Amino acid sequence: MAEEKESKFDILEHELVPKHILLDKKEAEAVLEKYKIKPYQLPYIKSSDPAAEAIGAKPGDIVKIVRRSPTAGEAIAYRYVVEG
């Protein structure tokens, strides 16, 4: 039996997937301070989400998501990475 080589598809390159950016500790603290919130108050994204896996997000991290918007130009959202 010949092993099939699995081709890797970079999900972040797809036109319908918004840009996902893993924030470092300093950037994450700045976001939390700006909005005066705790990490668990952000919407969640599971660590098993394909985009979260692609950027190496681990539970406890914060991900910045940048979407294109026809009215605002770009819309920024933040997600707290949880186990899953």
C-alpha atoms as a PDB file:
ATOM      1  CA  MET A   1       0.000   0.000   0.000  1.00  0.00           C
ATOM      2  CA  ALA A   2       1.286   3.415  -0.906  1.00  0.00           C
ATOM      3  CA  GLU A   3       0.853   6.134   1.673  1.00  0.00           C
ATOM      4  CA  GLU A   4      -1.039   9.133   0.452  1.00  0.00           C
ATOM      5  CA  LYS A   5       0.739  12.363   1.125  1.00  0.00           C
ATOM      6  CA  GLU A   6      -1.657  14.745   2.786  1.00  0.00           C
ATOM      7  CA  SER A   7      -1.548  18.153   1.133  1.00  0.00           C
ATOM      8  CA  LYS A   8      -1.633  21.042   3.576  1.00  0.00           C
ATOM      9  CA  PHE A   9      -4.112  23.805   2.863  1.00  0.00           C
ATOM     10  CA  ASP A  10      -3.374  27.147   4.508  1.00  0.00           C
ATOM     11  CA  ILE A  11      -6.784  28.205   5.775  1.00  0.00           C
ATOM     12  CA  LEU A  12      -5.548  31.738   6.489  1.00  0.00           C
ATOM     13  CA  GLU A  13      -4.954  32.294   2.764  1.00  0.00           C
ATOM     14  CA  HIS A  14      -8.627  31.736   1.877  1.00  0.00           C
ATOM     15  CA  GLU A  15     -10.438  34.914   0.847  1.00  0.00           C
ATOM     16  CA  LEU A  16     -13.386  34.316   3.204  1.00  0.00           C
ATOM     17  CA  VAL A  17     -11.237  33.821   6.324  1.00  0.00           C
ATOM     18  CA  PRO A  18     -10.456  37.097   8.112  1.00  0.00           C
ATOM     19  CA  LYS A  19      -6.933  37.843   9.306  1.00  0.00           C
ATOM     20  CA  HIS A  20      -6.192  36.238  12.694  1.00  0.00           C
ATOM     21  CA  ILE A  21      -3.344  37.683  14.764  1.00  0.00           C
ATOM     22  CA  LEU A  22      -2.065  36.124  17.972  1.00  0.00           C
ATOM     23  CA  LEU A  23      -1.391  38.911  20.481  1.00  0.00           C
ATOM     24  CA  ASP A  24       1.704  38.774  22.662  1.00  0.00           C
ATOM     25  CA  LYS A  25       1.351  39.294  26.421  1.00  0.00           C
ATOM     26  CA  LYS A  26       2.020  43.044  26.276  1.00  0.00           C
ATOM     27  CA  GLU A  27      -0.494  43.656  23.461  1.00  0.00           C
ATOM     28  CA  ALA A  28      -3.126  41.514  25.219  1.00  0.00           C
ATOM     29  CA  GLU A  29      -2.719  43.481  28.455  1.00  0.00           C
ATOM     30  CA  ALA A  30      -3.074  46.756  26.518  1.00  0.00           C
ATOM     31  CA  VAL A  31      -6.367  45.574  24.965  1.00  0.00           C
ATOM     32  CA  LEU A  32      -7.749  44.461  28.328  1.00  0.00           C
ATOM     33  CA  GLU A  33      -6.736  47.780  29.912  1.00  0.00           C
ATOM     34  CA  LYS A  34      -8.233  49.795  27.040  1.00  0.00           C
ATOM     35  CA  TYR A  35     -11.634  48.135  27.438  1.00  0.00           C
ATOM     36  CA  LYS A  36     -11.292  47.669  31.222  1.00  0.00           C
ATOM     37  CA  ILE A  37     -12.226  43.991  31.057  1.00  0.00           C
ATOM     38  CA  LYS A  38     -10.936  40.571  32.090  1.00  0.00           C
ATOM     39  CA  PRO A  39     -10.013  38.028  29.387  1.00  0.00           C
ATOM     40  CA  TYR A  40     -13.023  35.788  30.129  1.00  0.00           C
ATOM     41  CA  GLN A  41     -15.335  38.711  29.268  1.00  0.00           C
ATOM     42  CA  LEU A  42     -14.273  38.531  25.614  1.00  0.00           C
ATOM     43  CA  PRO A  43     -16.116  36.261  23.179  1.00  0.00           C
ATOM     44  CA  TYR A  44     -14.496  32.830  23.012  1.00  0.00           C
ATOM     45  CA  ILE A  45     -12.730  30.934  20.247  1.00  0.00           C
ATOM     46  CA  LYS A  46     -11.861  27.277  20.768  1.00  0.00           C
ATOM     47  CA  SER A  47      -8.243  26.194  20.509  1.00  0.00           C
ATOM     48  CA  SER A  48      -9.446  23.545  18.030  1.00  0.00           C
ATOM     49  CA  ASP A  49     -10.777  26.207  15.623  1.00  0.00           C
ATOM     50  CA  PRO A  50      -8.877  25.745  12.333  1.00  0.00           C
ATOM     51  CA  ALA A  51      -7.760  29.397  12.229  1.00  0.00           C
ATOM     52  CA  ALA A  52      -6.659  29.299  15.890  1.00  0.00           C
ATOM     53  CA  GLU A  53      -4.690  26.109  15.228  1.00  0.00           C
ATOM     54  CA  ALA A  54      -3.079  27.689  12.159  1.00  0.00           C
ATOM     55  CA  ILE A  55      -1.620  30.562  14.216  1.00  0.00           C
ATOM     56  CA  GLY A  56      -0.692  28.358  17.174  1.00  0.00           C
ATOM     57  CA  ALA A  57      -3.179  29.813  19.671  1.00  0.00           C
ATOM     58  CA  LYS A  58      -3.292  28.081  23.066  1.00  0.00           C
ATOM     59  CA  PRO A  59      -5.943  28.373  25.813  1.00  0.00           C
ATOM     60  CA  GLY A  60      -5.482  31.674  27.639  1.00  0.00           C
ATOM     61  CA  ASP A  61      -4.261  33.570  24.556  1.00  0.00           C
ATOM     62  CA  ILE A  62      -6.075  36.483  22.926  1.00  0.00           C
ATOM     63  CA  VAL A  63      -6.583  36.589  19.161  1.00  0.00           C
ATOM     64  CA  LYS A  64      -7.203  39.768  17.174  1.00  0.00           C
ATOM     65  CA  ILE A  65      -9.464  39.244  14.152  1.00  0.00           C
ATOM     66  CA  VAL A  66      -9.459  41.858  11.391  1.00  0.00           C
ATOM     67  CA  ARG A  67     -12.363  41.698   8.941  1.00  0.00           C
ATOM     68  CA  ARG A  68     -12.927  43.774   5.840  1.00  0.00           C
ATOM     69  CA  SER A  69     -16.044  45.924   6.118  1.00  0.00           C
ATOM     70  CA  PRO A  70     -17.741  47.876   3.320  1.00  0.00           C
ATOM     71  CA  THR A  71     -18.808  50.630   5.722  1.00  0.00           C
ATOM     72  CA  ALA A  72     -15.990  50.778   8.277  1.00  0.00           C
ATOM     73  CA  GLY A  73     -13.092  49.736   6.058  1.00  0.00           C
ATOM     74  CA  GLU A  74     -12.040  47.135   8.588  1.00  0.00           C
ATOM     75  CA  ALA A  75     -13.635  45.799  11.741  1.00  0.00           C
ATOM     76  CA  ILE A  76     -11.518  44.508  14.624  1.00  0.00           C
ATOM     77  CA  ALA A  77     -12.709  41.860  17.070  1.00  0.00           C
ATOM     78  CA  TYR A  78     -10.923  40.084  19.904  1.00  0.00           C
ATOM     79  CA  ARG A  79     -11.407  36.489  21.034  1.00  0.00           C
ATOM     80  CA  TYR A  80     -10.242  34.667  24.166  1.00  0.00           C
ATOM     81  CA  VAL A  81      -8.895  31.191  23.384  1.00  0.00           C
ATOM     82  CA  VAL A  82     -10.488  28.398  25.426  1.00  0.00           C
ATOM     83  CA  GLU A  83      -9.948  24.636  25.531  1.00  0.00           C
ATOM     84  CA  GLY A  84     -11.870  22.744  22.929  1.00  0.00           C
END
